[in-house]
Amino acid sequence: MVTPHPPSEEIEGILPWGERPKDFWDRPDGNWGDPPGSDAALDARRHANSCYRLGTFALDIKQTGLATNWLHAAIKEDHPGAWFRTAVVVSRRGPAVFGDQAFAYLRYLVGRAADLGHGDAQQMRPLLADQAADVPTFTTWEDPEYGPEVLSALQAG
């Protein structure tokens, strides 16, 4: 008989997740935003977190197409980390894929992440209106792997 595992454990055997640094927004219990109101909503959150993890792994190995697919699945459940890391995809693919709207899309993604409680995105909010705005120096990051990349992209426009 096969024993089912929580979604957070399903990908452990596939991905070298144990080798990654701690991730602030990896929330296998779906604890972001308002509490889910049903078991089905909680399952959807758990699935979204697994998609976030897969999208992150795809970013780690420079597979932005795969990252986009996985992160978009997590965005459907308003996963703050997925919104923020999708901005990394837009930053990397830029106008070559997103055309003249790449920077607007980047700002939208960061703004949405900020609205959902992503701390790095909240600190970057002044850059959404003015890429030359002063932003206090980050002393800590919720996303130390990808936060500096998003910050640079917002400042570069």
Protein backbone atom coordinates (compact mmCIF):
# COMPACT_ATOMS: atom_id res chain seq x y z
CA MET A 1 0.00 0.00 0.00
CA VAL A 2 1.31 3.44 -0.92
CA THR A 3 1.23 6.01 1.85
CA PRO A 4 0.27 9.47 0.56
CA HIS A 5 2.63 12.31 1.40
CA PRO A 6 1.77 15.96 1.90
CA PRO A 7 2.37 18.01 -1.28
CA SER A 8 5.37 19.66 0.33
CA GLU A 9 7.13 16.29 0.45
CA GLU A 10 6.15 15.02 -3.01
CA ILE A 11 8.93 16.79 -4.87
CA GLU A 12 11.63 16.17 -2.28
CA GLY A 13 12.80 13.03 -4.09
CA ILE A 14 12.92 14.79 -7.45
CA LEU A 15 14.60 18.07 -6.63
CA PRO A 16 17.80 18.74 -4.71
CA TRP A 17 15.78 21.06 -2.45
CA GLY A 18 17.83 20.26 0.60
CA GLU A 19 20.78 21.98 -1.10
CA ARG A 20 18.94 25.30 -1.39
CA PRO A 21 19.12 28.07 1.20
CA LYS A 22 16.07 28.64 3.40
CA ASP A 23 13.31 30.31 1.42
CA PHE A 24 11.09 32.78 3.29
CA TRP A 25 8.13 32.24 0.94
CA ASP A 26 8.28 28.45 0.75
CA ARG A 27 5.12 27.85 2.75
CA PRO A 28 4.07 24.20 2.36
CA ASP A 29 1.17 24.74 4.76
CA GLY A 30 -0.28 27.47 2.54
CA ASN A 31 0.04 30.11 5.25
CA TRP A 32 -0.01 33.34 3.28
CA GLY A 33 -2.79 35.88 3.02
CA ASP A 34 -6.16 35.17 4.58
CA PRO A 35 -6.55 31.65 5.93
CA PRO A 36 -8.09 29.28 3.39
CA GLY A 37 -11.76 28.68 4.13
CA SER A 38 -11.99 25.03 3.15
CA ASP A 39 -9.96 21.87 2.70
CA ALA A 40 -10.15 22.35 -1.06
CA ALA A 41 -8.73 25.87 -0.75
CA LEU A 42 -5.94 24.57 1.49
CA ASP A 43 -5.13 21.84 -1.03
CA ALA A 44 -4.99 24.47 -3.77
CA ARG A 45 -2.58 26.51 -1.63
CA ARG A 46 -0.37 23.51 -0.99
CA HIS A 47 -0.34 22.75 -4.69
CA ALA A 48 0.52 26.38 -5.42
CA ASN A 49 3.45 26.20 -3.02
CA SER A 50 4.74 23.09 -4.78
CA CYS A 51 4.44 24.96 -8.09
CA TYR A 52 6.36 27.85 -6.54
CA ARG A 53 9.12 25.46 -5.54
CA LEU A 54 9.27 23.94 -9.02
CA GLY A 55 9.33 27.41 -10.56
CA THR A 56 12.16 28.38 -8.25
CA PHE A 57 14.11 25.28 -9.20
CA ALA A 58 13.60 26.17 -12.88
CA LEU A 59 14.93 29.69 -12.17
CA ASP A 60 17.92 28.16 -10.40
CA ILE A 61 18.83 26.14 -13.49
CA LYS A 62 18.13 29.09 -15.83
CA GLN A 63 15.03 27.56 -17.43
CA THR A 64 12.88 30.68 -17.61
CA GLY A 65 10.18 29.08 -19.77
CA LEU A 66 9.60 26.32 -17.23
CA ALA A 67 9.83 28.83 -14.40
CA THR A 68 7.10 30.89 -16.03
CA ASN A 69 4.74 27.93 -16.27
CA TRP A 70 5.23 26.80 -12.67
CA LEU A 71 5.19 30.28 -11.16
CA HIS A 72 2.02 31.21 -13.05
CA ALA A 73 0.33 28.17 -11.52
CA ALA A 74 1.30 29.48 -8.06
CA ILE A 75 0.16 33.00 -8.92
CA LYS A 76 -3.38 31.66 -9.38
CA GLU A 77 -3.45 31.22 -5.60
CA ASP A 78 -1.83 34.62 -4.98
CA HIS A 79 1.43 33.17 -3.69
CA PRO A 80 3.46 36.35 -2.90
CA GLY A 81 6.81 34.70 -3.65
CA ALA A 82 5.57 33.51 -7.03
CA TRP A 83 4.47 37.01 -8.00
CA PHE A 84 7.90 38.33 -7.02
CA ARG A 85 9.90 35.60 -8.74
CA THR A 86 7.87 36.00 -11.91
CA ALA A 87 9.35 39.49 -11.98
CA VAL A 88 12.76 37.77 -12.24
CA VAL A 89 11.56 35.94 -15.34
CA VAL A 90 10.38 39.21 -16.88
CA SER A 91 13.67 40.87 -15.98
CA ARG A 92 15.65 38.10 -17.66
CA ARG A 93 13.51 37.79 -20.76
CA GLY A 94 12.92 41.55 -21.07
CA PRO A 95 11.78 43.26 -24.25
CA ALA A 96 12.89 40.32 -26.41
CA VAL A 97 9.88 38.37 -25.12
CA PHE A 98 7.61 40.98 -23.55
CA GLY A 99 8.19 43.83 -25.99
CA ASP A 100 7.78 47.44 -24.99
CA GLN A 101 5.61 46.44 -22.04
CA ALA A 102 8.35 44.47 -20.24
CA PHE A 103 9.11 47.19 -17.69
CA ALA A 104 5.41 47.90 -17.06
CA TYR A 105 4.82 44.19 -16.53
CA LEU A 106 7.81 44.00 -14.16
CA ARG A 107 6.40 46.89 -12.10
CA TYR A 108 2.96 45.29 -12.06
CA LEU A 109 4.34 41.98 -10.74
CA VAL A 110 6.37 43.66 -7.99
CA GLY A 111 3.39 45.84 -7.06
CA ARG A 112 1.13 42.82 -6.78
CA ALA A 113 3.72 40.98 -4.66
CA ALA A 114 3.87 44.05 -2.41
CA ASP A 115 0.07 44.14 -2.14
CA LEU A 116 0.15 40.50 -1.01
CA GLY A 117 2.71 41.16 1.71
CA HIS A 118 6.08 40.45 0.11
CA GLY A 119 8.46 42.53 2.23
CA ASP A 120 11.14 43.12 -0.42
CA ALA A 121 8.51 44.22 -2.92
CA GLN A 122 7.01 46.56 -0.33
CA GLN A 123 10.40 48.24 0.17
CA MET A 124 10.77 48.58 -3.62
CA ARG A 125 7.35 50.22 -4.02
CA PRO A 126 8.77 53.77 -4.54
CA LEU A 127 10.57 52.47 -7.65
CA LEU A 128 7.26 51.48 -9.19
CA ALA A 129 6.42 55.15 -9.72
CA ASP A 130 9.95 56.50 -10.25
CA GLN A 131 12.91 54.30 -11.12
CA ALA A 132 15.23 56.98 -9.72
CA ALA A 133 13.48 57.08 -6.33
CA ASP A 134 15.56 56.66 -3.23
CA VAL A 135 15.10 53.26 -1.65
CA PRO A 136 16.65 52.58 1.74
CA THR A 137 19.53 50.11 1.66
CA PHE A 138 18.32 46.59 2.26
CA THR A 139 19.84 45.24 5.46
CA THR A 140 17.86 42.01 5.22
CA TRP A 141 16.05 40.33 2.36
CA GLU A 142 13.09 37.99 2.26
CA ASP A 143 14.47 36.83 -1.08
CA PRO A 144 18.26 37.21 -0.94
CA GLU A 145 18.72 35.08 -4.06
CA TYR A 146 16.52 37.05 -6.40
CA GLY A 147 15.66 40.30 -4.59
CA PRO A 148 18.82 42.15 -5.69
CA GLU A 149 18.11 41.17 -9.30
CA VAL A 150 14.59 42.57 -9.15
CA LEU A 151 15.85 45.74 -7.45
CA SER A 152 18.46 46.26 -10.19
CA ALA A 153 15.86 45.68 -12.90
CA LEU A 154 13.52 48.27 -11.37
CA GLN A 155 16.31 50.81 -11.05
CA ALA A 156 17.53 50.20 -14.61
CA GLY A 157 14.09 50.48 -16.13
